[in-house]
N, C-alpha and C. Protein backbone atom coordinates (compact mmCIF):
# COMPACT_ATOMS: atom_id res chain seq x y z
N UNK A 1 0.93 -1.21 -0.02
CA UNK A 1 0.02 -0.01 -0.04
C UNK A 1 0.91 1.23 0.00
N UNK A 2 0.44 2.25 -0.65
CA UNK A 2 1.15 3.60 -0.73
C UNK A 2 0.36 4.59 0.08
N UNK A 3 1.24 5.51 0.73
CA UNK A 3 0.55 6.81 1.27
C UNK A 3 1.18 7.94 0.52
N UNK A 4 0.26 8.79 0.21
CA UNK A 4 0.66 10.02 -0.51
C UNK A 4 0.51 11.28 0.34
N UNK A 5 1.57 12.23 0.16
CA UNK A 5 1.49 13.41 0.87
C UNK A 5 1.56 14.50 -0.18
N UNK A 6 0.75 15.56 -0.15
CA UNK A 6 0.73 16.62 -1.01
C UNK A 6 0.82 17.95 -0.20
N UNK A 7 1.93 18.78 -0.65
CA UNK A 7 2.06 20.02 -0.01
C UNK A 7 2.22 21.18 -1.10
N UNK A 8 1.72 22.28 -0.69
CA UNK A 8 1.94 23.48 -1.35
C UNK A 8 2.87 24.26 -0.62
N UNK A 9 4.03 24.63 -1.24
CA UNK A 9 5.15 25.25 -0.59
C UNK A 9 5.63 26.47 -1.27
N UNK A 10 5.99 27.51 -0.59
CA UNK A 10 6.49 28.79 -1.18
C UNK A 10 7.87 29.02 -0.57
N UNK A 11 8.81 29.27 -1.39
CA UNK A 11 10.18 29.62 -1.00
C UNK A 11 10.14 31.11 -0.52
N UNK A 12 10.62 31.32 0.71
CA UNK A 12 10.57 32.73 1.09
C UNK A 12 12.10 33.31 1.23
N UNK A 13 12.02 34.48 1.40
CA UNK A 13 13.28 35.39 1.44
C UNK A 13 13.27 35.99 2.92
N UNK A 14 14.30 35.67 3.65
CA UNK A 14 14.44 36.14 5.11
C UNK A 14 15.88 36.73 5.19
N UNK A 15 15.86 37.95 5.68
CA UNK A 15 17.19 38.69 5.87
C UNK A 15 17.89 38.76 4.39
N UNK A 16 17.15 39.00 3.46
CA UNK A 16 17.62 39.04 2.03
C UNK A 16 18.35 37.83 1.48
N UNK A 17 17.98 36.68 2.19
CA UNK A 17 18.47 35.29 1.50
C UNK A 17 17.36 34.45 1.28
N UNK A 18 17.46 33.69 0.26
CA UNK A 18 16.41 32.85 -0.24
C UNK A 18 16.46 31.55 0.61
N UNK A 19 15.30 31.19 1.08
CA UNK A 19 15.16 29.92 1.82
C UNK A 19 14.39 28.88 1.01
N UNK A 20 15.05 27.91 0.54
CA UNK A 20 14.44 26.85 -0.49
C UNK A 20 13.50 25.83 0.48
N UNK A 21 12.34 26.24 0.83
CA UNK A 21 11.52 25.47 1.70
C UNK A 21 11.20 24.11 0.89
N UNK A 22 10.96 24.04 -0.34
CA UNK A 22 10.63 22.85 -1.12
C UNK A 22 11.96 21.83 -1.05
N UNK A 23 13.15 22.28 -1.19
CA UNK A 23 14.26 21.52 -0.97
C UNK A 23 14.42 20.97 0.41
N UNK A 24 14.25 21.82 1.35
CA UNK A 24 14.32 21.48 2.80
C UNK A 24 13.37 20.42 3.18
N UNK A 25 12.07 20.42 2.68
CA UNK A 25 11.05 19.48 2.99
C UNK A 25 11.36 18.24 2.42
N UNK A 26 11.81 18.23 1.03
CA UNK A 26 12.23 16.96 0.31
C UNK A 26 13.37 16.30 1.05
N UNK A 27 14.34 16.94 1.54
CA UNK A 27 15.46 16.49 2.17
C UNK A 27 15.10 15.79 3.47
N UNK A 28 14.22 16.46 4.25
CA UNK A 28 13.64 15.94 5.56
C UNK A 28 13.00 14.68 5.37
N UNK A 29 12.04 14.74 4.37
CA UNK A 29 11.21 13.42 4.18
C UNK A 29 12.08 12.34 3.74
N UNK A 30 13.14 12.57 2.94
CA UNK A 30 14.06 11.52 2.46
C UNK A 30 14.61 10.70 3.57
N UNK A 31 14.89 11.36 4.73
CA UNK A 31 15.45 10.76 5.91
C UNK A 31 14.45 9.68 6.60
N UNK A 32 13.11 9.82 6.25
CA UNK A 32 12.03 8.99 6.71
C UNK A 32 11.63 7.99 5.71
N UNK A 33 12.37 7.84 4.64
CA UNK A 33 11.97 6.96 3.59
C UNK A 33 10.83 7.45 2.63
N UNK A 34 10.57 8.66 2.64
CA UNK A 34 9.57 9.28 1.80
C UNK A 34 10.19 9.82 0.62
N UNK A 35 9.67 9.38 -0.72
CA UNK A 35 10.25 9.84 -1.90
C UNK A 35 9.28 10.91 -2.54
N UNK A 36 10.01 11.76 -3.17
CA UNK A 36 9.35 12.77 -3.99
C UNK A 36 8.87 12.27 -5.32
N UNK A 37 7.70 12.29 -5.65
CA UNK A 37 7.14 11.76 -6.89
C UNK A 37 7.09 12.84 -7.96
N UNK A 38 6.74 13.99 -7.54
CA UNK A 38 6.44 15.08 -8.67
C UNK A 38 6.50 16.48 -7.90
N UNK A 39 6.98 17.34 -8.60
CA UNK A 39 7.09 18.77 -8.13
C UNK A 39 6.57 19.68 -9.31
N UNK A 40 5.56 20.44 -9.09
CA UNK A 40 4.99 21.31 -10.12
C UNK A 40 5.04 22.77 -9.68
N UNK A 41 5.68 23.59 -10.48
CA UNK A 41 5.74 25.01 -10.11
C UNK A 41 4.45 25.70 -10.68
N UNK A 42 3.99 26.62 -9.91
CA UNK A 42 2.84 27.37 -10.31
C UNK A 42 3.01 28.80 -9.92
N UNK A 43 2.53 29.74 -10.90
CA UNK A 43 2.66 31.11 -10.73
C UNK A 43 1.46 31.55 -9.94
N UNK A 44 1.59 32.31 -8.94
CA UNK A 44 0.46 32.85 -8.05
C UNK A 44 -0.07 34.04 -8.95
N UNK A 45 -1.39 33.95 -9.48
CA UNK A 45 -1.82 35.03 -10.33
C UNK A 45 -2.00 36.35 -9.71
N UNK A 46 -2.41 36.39 -8.50
CA UNK A 46 -2.64 37.71 -7.78
C UNK A 46 -2.50 37.39 -6.30
N UNK A 47 -1.93 38.37 -5.74
CA UNK A 47 -1.81 38.18 -4.24
C UNK A 47 -1.78 39.63 -3.60
N UNK A 48 -2.52 39.85 -2.55
CA UNK A 48 -2.61 41.05 -1.93
C UNK A 48 -1.99 41.14 -0.60
N UNK A 49 -1.42 42.24 -0.22
CA UNK A 49 -0.85 42.43 0.95
C UNK A 49 -1.17 43.77 1.60
N UNK A 50 -1.35 43.64 2.91
CA UNK A 50 -1.79 44.84 3.58
C UNK A 50 -0.83 46.04 3.43
N UNK A 51 -1.15 47.19 3.39
CA UNK A 51 -0.34 48.31 3.12
C UNK A 51 0.74 48.51 4.08
N UNK A 52 0.39 48.19 5.33
CA UNK A 52 1.44 48.32 6.52
C UNK A 52 2.48 47.27 6.44
N UNK A 53 2.25 46.11 5.75
CA UNK A 53 3.19 45.00 5.73
C UNK A 53 3.79 44.98 4.24
N UNK A 54 3.64 45.91 3.44
CA UNK A 54 4.17 45.89 2.04
C UNK A 54 5.54 46.41 2.01
N UNK A 55 6.35 46.19 2.97
CA UNK A 55 7.80 46.51 2.94
C UNK A 55 8.47 45.58 1.99
N UNK A 56 8.25 44.34 1.92
CA UNK A 56 9.12 43.36 1.10
C UNK A 56 8.10 42.83 0.01
N UNK A 57 8.64 42.24 -1.02
CA UNK A 57 7.90 41.59 -2.13
C UNK A 57 7.22 40.28 -1.58
N UNK A 58 6.17 39.99 -2.22
CA UNK A 58 5.43 38.68 -1.77
C UNK A 58 6.00 37.52 -2.65
N UNK A 59 5.61 36.36 -2.31
CA UNK A 59 5.93 35.18 -3.03
C UNK A 59 5.13 35.18 -4.29
N UNK A 60 5.76 34.90 -5.43
CA UNK A 60 5.15 35.04 -6.72
C UNK A 60 4.97 33.65 -7.33
N UNK A 61 5.66 32.65 -6.82
CA UNK A 61 5.56 31.26 -7.32
C UNK A 61 5.43 30.32 -6.08
N UNK A 62 4.84 29.29 -6.32
CA UNK A 62 4.81 28.16 -5.32
C UNK A 62 5.02 26.81 -5.95
N UNK A 63 5.38 25.92 -5.13
CA UNK A 63 5.67 24.54 -5.67
C UNK A 63 4.57 23.60 -5.09
N UNK A 64 3.99 22.78 -5.88
CA UNK A 64 3.12 21.77 -5.38
C UNK A 64 3.87 20.49 -5.43
N UNK A 65 4.18 19.86 -4.29
CA UNK A 65 5.21 18.74 -4.10
C UNK A 65 4.33 17.56 -3.68
N UNK A 66 4.44 16.40 -4.45
CA UNK A 66 3.85 15.18 -4.15
C UNK A 66 4.80 14.11 -3.69
N UNK A 67 4.70 13.61 -2.48
CA UNK A 67 5.58 12.62 -1.96
C UNK A 67 4.78 11.25 -1.71
N UNK A 68 5.56 10.14 -1.75
CA UNK A 68 5.07 8.86 -1.47
C UNK A 68 5.79 8.06 -0.56
N UNK A 69 5.19 7.26 0.22
CA UNK A 69 5.89 6.38 1.11
C UNK A 69 5.08 5.00 1.09
N UNK A 70 6.09 3.99 0.95
CA UNK A 70 5.41 2.63 0.99
C UNK A 70 5.19 2.14 2.40
N UNK A 71 4.05 1.67 2.53
CA UNK A 71 3.63 1.23 3.82
C UNK A 71 3.37 -0.31 3.80
N UNK A 72 3.96 -1.05 4.64
CA UNK A 72 3.81 -2.54 4.51
C UNK A 72 2.62 -3.01 5.36
């Protein structure tokens, strides 16, 4: 039997450095025997941010990551 996990992940920028959340999650799951099946990039068509928080740019793309673990 297979168990599937589906995540929508956005890579963020913190202290002017990119944080690759999709790669971090894939590496973490790999340690538990969970394999990445597919990763699909998607452009976020429109995103609003409150004026008081609009100091930085928002996430413009997200990754839809599908993982699988074999369960005996």
